Protein backbone atom coordinates (compact mmCIF):
# COMPACT_ATOMS: atom_id res chain seq x y z
CA MET A 1 256.16 271.97 109.41
CA LEU A 2 254.29 275.06 110.55
CA SER A 3 254.89 276.65 113.92
CA LEU A 4 252.12 277.00 116.48
CA ASP A 5 252.11 280.75 115.87
CA GLU A 6 251.57 280.15 112.15
CA GLY A 7 248.78 277.71 112.98
CA LYS A 8 247.15 280.27 115.25
CA PHE A 9 247.37 282.83 112.46
CA LEU A 10 245.67 280.45 110.02
CA VAL A 11 242.80 279.66 112.40
CA LYS A 12 242.29 283.32 113.29
CA THR A 13 242.37 284.25 109.60
CA ALA A 14 239.79 281.56 108.83
CA ARG A 15 237.60 282.81 111.71
CA ALA A 16 237.85 286.45 110.61
CA THR A 17 237.10 285.50 107.00
CA ILE A 18 234.03 283.48 107.96
CA GLU A 19 232.63 286.13 110.28
CA SER A 20 233.11 288.92 107.75
CA TYR A 21 231.68 286.93 104.85
CA VAL A 22 228.68 285.62 106.80
CA LYS A 23 227.83 289.01 108.28
CA GLU A 24 228.67 291.34 105.39
CA GLY A 25 229.30 289.18 102.32
CA LYS A 26 232.85 290.55 102.18
CA VAL A 27 236.31 289.04 102.41
CA PRO A 28 238.34 291.08 104.92
CA PRO A 29 241.68 292.56 103.85
CA ARG A 30 244.61 290.51 105.05
CA LYS A 31 248.23 291.25 105.76
CA ASN A 32 250.94 290.13 103.39
CA VAL A 33 252.41 286.85 104.56
CA ARG A 34 255.68 285.14 103.76
CA GLY A 35 257.41 281.82 104.16
CA GLU A 36 255.42 278.61 104.30
CA LEU A 37 252.12 280.49 104.35
CA ARG A 38 252.82 281.46 100.74
CA GLU A 39 253.82 277.97 99.66
CA LYS A 40 251.40 275.82 97.69
CA LEU A 41 249.84 273.46 100.23
CA GLY A 42 246.54 271.63 100.57
CA VAL A 43 244.23 272.74 103.36
CA PHE A 44 240.80 272.00 104.83
CA VAL A 45 238.67 274.15 107.11
CA THR A 46 236.30 272.25 109.41
CA LEU A 47 233.48 273.89 111.36
CA THR A 48 231.73 272.26 114.30
CA LYS A 49 228.77 273.40 116.37
CA ASN A 50 228.08 271.84 119.75
CA GLY A 51 230.40 268.99 118.83
CA GLU A 52 228.64 268.26 115.53
CA LEU A 53 230.02 268.84 112.05
CA ARG A 54 228.74 272.10 110.53
CA GLY A 55 230.85 272.30 107.39
CA CYS A 56 234.08 270.97 105.95
CA ILE A 57 235.58 271.88 102.58
CA GLY A 58 239.11 272.34 101.35
CA HIS A 59 241.77 271.97 98.71
CA PRO A 60 243.32 268.48 98.91
CA VAL A 61 245.91 269.18 96.20
CA PRO A 62 248.49 271.99 96.57
CA THR A 63 247.47 274.17 93.62
CA MET A 64 247.60 277.64 95.22
CA PRO A 65 249.38 279.46 98.06
CA LEU A 66 248.27 278.19 101.46
CA ILE A 67 246.85 281.53 102.61
CA ASP A 68 244.69 281.83 99.47
CA ALA A 69 243.48 278.24 99.69
CA LEU A 70 242.66 278.83 103.37
CA VAL A 71 240.47 281.88 102.69
CA ASP A 72 238.59 280.10 99.91
CA SER A 73 238.11 276.99 102.07
CA ALA A 74 236.88 279.04 105.02
CA ILE A 75 234.19 280.71 102.93
CA SER A 76 233.22 277.43 101.30
CA SER A 77 232.97 275.51 104.57
CA ALA A 78 230.61 278.16 105.97
CA THR A 79 228.47 278.78 102.91
CA ARG A 80 228.97 276.15 100.20
CA ASP A 81 229.02 272.74 101.86
CA PRO A 82 226.10 270.98 100.11
CA ARG A 83 225.38 268.93 103.24
CA PHE A 84 224.39 271.98 105.28
CA PRO A 85 222.59 275.31 104.92
CA PRO A 86 224.87 278.37 104.99
CA VAL A 87 226.01 279.43 108.45
CA LYS A 88 223.88 282.24 109.86
CA PRO A 89 225.34 285.21 111.76
CA SER A 90 223.49 284.06 114.89
CA GLU A 91 225.43 280.76 114.82
CA LEU A 92 228.89 282.30 114.80
CA PRO A 93 229.32 282.41 118.61
CA GLU A 94 228.70 278.63 118.68
CA ILE A 95 231.01 277.68 115.81
CA GLU A 96 234.46 276.18 116.41
CA VAL A 97 237.08 276.50 113.66
CA GLU A 98 239.67 273.87 112.78
CA VAL A 99 242.34 274.10 110.06
CA SER A 100 244.14 271.08 108.61
CA VAL A 101 247.25 271.76 106.50
CA LEU A 102 247.95 268.79 104.24
CA THR A 103 251.06 267.19 102.84
CA LYS A 104 250.96 266.33 99.14
CA PRO A 105 248.89 263.15 98.62
CA GLU A 106 250.88 260.10 97.56
CA VAL A 107 249.55 256.90 96.01
CA VAL A 108 249.69 253.97 98.45
CA LYS A 109 251.55 251.23 96.58
CA VAL A 110 250.79 247.62 97.53
CA LYS A 111 251.22 244.25 95.83
CA HIS A 112 247.58 243.35 96.54
CA PRO A 113 244.67 245.53 97.75
CA LYS A 114 244.29 243.37 100.86
CA ASP A 115 247.60 244.86 102.00
CA TYR A 116 246.18 248.40 102.26
CA PRO A 117 245.28 248.14 105.99
CA LYS A 118 248.92 247.39 106.81
CA SER A 119 250.11 250.34 104.72
CA ILE A 120 248.14 253.08 106.49
CA THR A 121 247.97 254.21 110.10
CA VAL A 122 244.84 255.52 111.82
CA GLY A 123 245.65 258.82 113.52
CA LYS A 124 248.49 259.57 111.12
CA HIS A 125 247.12 259.31 107.60
CA GLY A 126 244.21 260.83 105.75
CA LEU A 127 242.87 258.99 102.71
CA ILE A 128 241.69 259.79 99.20
CA MET A 129 239.79 257.14 97.22
CA GLU A 130 239.42 257.53 93.43
CA CYS A 131 237.75 255.35 90.78
CA ASP A 132 235.92 256.00 87.50
CA GLY A 133 235.48 259.72 88.16
CA PHE A 134 234.39 259.23 91.78
CA ALA A 135 236.54 260.59 94.59
CA GLY A 136 236.26 260.91 98.35
CA LEU A 137 238.53 262.20 101.11
CA LEU A 138 238.62 261.78 104.87
CA LEU A 139 241.01 263.69 107.13
CA PRO A 140 243.30 261.88 109.64
CA GLN A 141 241.21 262.96 112.63
CA VAL A 142 237.99 261.39 111.32
CA PRO A 143 238.72 257.69 112.02
CA VAL A 144 240.04 258.62 115.47
CA GLU A 145 236.84 260.51 116.31
CA TRP A 146 234.73 257.52 115.22
CA GLY A 147 236.96 254.78 116.63
CA TRP A 148 237.54 253.07 113.28
CA ASN A 149 240.32 250.63 112.53
CA GLU A 150 242.26 250.71 109.24
CA GLU A 151 239.78 248.53 107.32
CA GLU A 152 236.82 250.58 108.52
CA PHE A 153 238.67 253.76 107.56
CA LEU A 154 239.21 252.43 104.02
CA SER A 155 235.55 251.40 103.76
CA HIS A 156 234.19 254.74 104.95
CA THR A 157 236.47 256.61 102.55
CA CYS A 158 235.03 254.48 99.75
CA MET A 159 231.52 255.39 100.82
CA LYS A 160 232.51 259.08 100.98
CA ALA A 161 233.45 258.68 97.31
CA GLY A 162 230.07 257.12 96.49
CA LEU A 163 231.61 253.68 96.09
CA PRO A 164 230.72 250.37 97.77
CA PRO A 165 232.44 249.96 101.16
CA ASP A 166 234.61 247.11 99.88
CA ALA A 167 235.69 248.96 96.71
CA TRP A 168 239.22 249.37 98.11
CA LEU A 169 239.74 245.68 97.33
CA ASN A 170 239.26 246.45 93.62
CA ARG A 171 242.56 246.93 91.78
CA ARG A 172 241.03 249.73 89.69
CA VAL A 173 240.60 251.90 92.77
CA CYS A 174 243.44 254.34 93.50
CA VAL A 175 244.17 254.87 97.21
CA SER A 176 246.28 257.86 98.22
CA SER A 177 247.34 258.97 101.68
CA PHE A 178 248.52 262.23 103.22
CA CYS A 179 249.39 263.64 106.62
CA ALA A 180 248.12 266.84 108.20
CA GLN A 181 249.01 269.45 110.77
CA ILE A 182 245.81 270.29 112.59
CA PHE A 183 245.14 273.52 114.47
CA LYS A 184 241.83 274.08 116.27
CA GLU A 185 240.03 276.37 118.64
CA LYS A 186 239.42 275.17 122.19
CA GLY A 187 235.79 276.20 122.18
CA PRO A 188 234.19 278.90 120.00
CA ARG A 189 236.63 281.80 119.54
CA GLY A 190 238.88 280.09 122.06
CA GLU A 191 242.62 279.62 122.31
CA VAL A 192 244.16 277.78 119.35
CA GLU A 193 246.10 274.55 119.90
CA GLU A 194 247.79 272.01 117.66
CA PHE A 195 245.86 268.75 117.63
CA GLU A 196 247.50 265.35 117.11
CA PRO A 197 244.92 262.65 116.32
CA ALA A 198 247.36 259.80 117.03
CA LYS A 199 247.53 260.85 120.69
CA GLU A 200 243.75 260.68 120.96
CA LYS A 201 243.52 256.99 119.99
């Protein structure tokens, strides 16, 4: 578990990285970090503008130190999300930054696919859906924001992967879950707080 101070550092680092890269095309120098910030952890950086998604990209699997994955995700969320044009410098004062630090995904094991809804919890788990080279991920806060139940969460994760909404009932589909610590700005460039989706249900 990260401390709030560590979470604040991650969000501020993501913000500084985005602003420098968008304005100057450069990654700012960063201080050496230790402890959990150097551990290999998955992370996503989410950008919103006026309450609407503006970019969200990350590293779901812990393949590099958290701080390095964070910087790469921050740049990608601002400039490489295929759903949106790159963030412009003029937008930066309206952008809110959110960082989700992920636990290692684990396959959800059930006797029958119909048991998946009872094996996940909205507000606690994020999901990854994989089948035949297709893959999709939704963070734990997404179903809470949209008011989905467990079955709807499974269906929307399937659609995120480019699969039919009921694909989770197919035994060939692999469903994995993970948890996340979420740190976000309260308004653009605002104070950073830890966000718990389960409390928002």
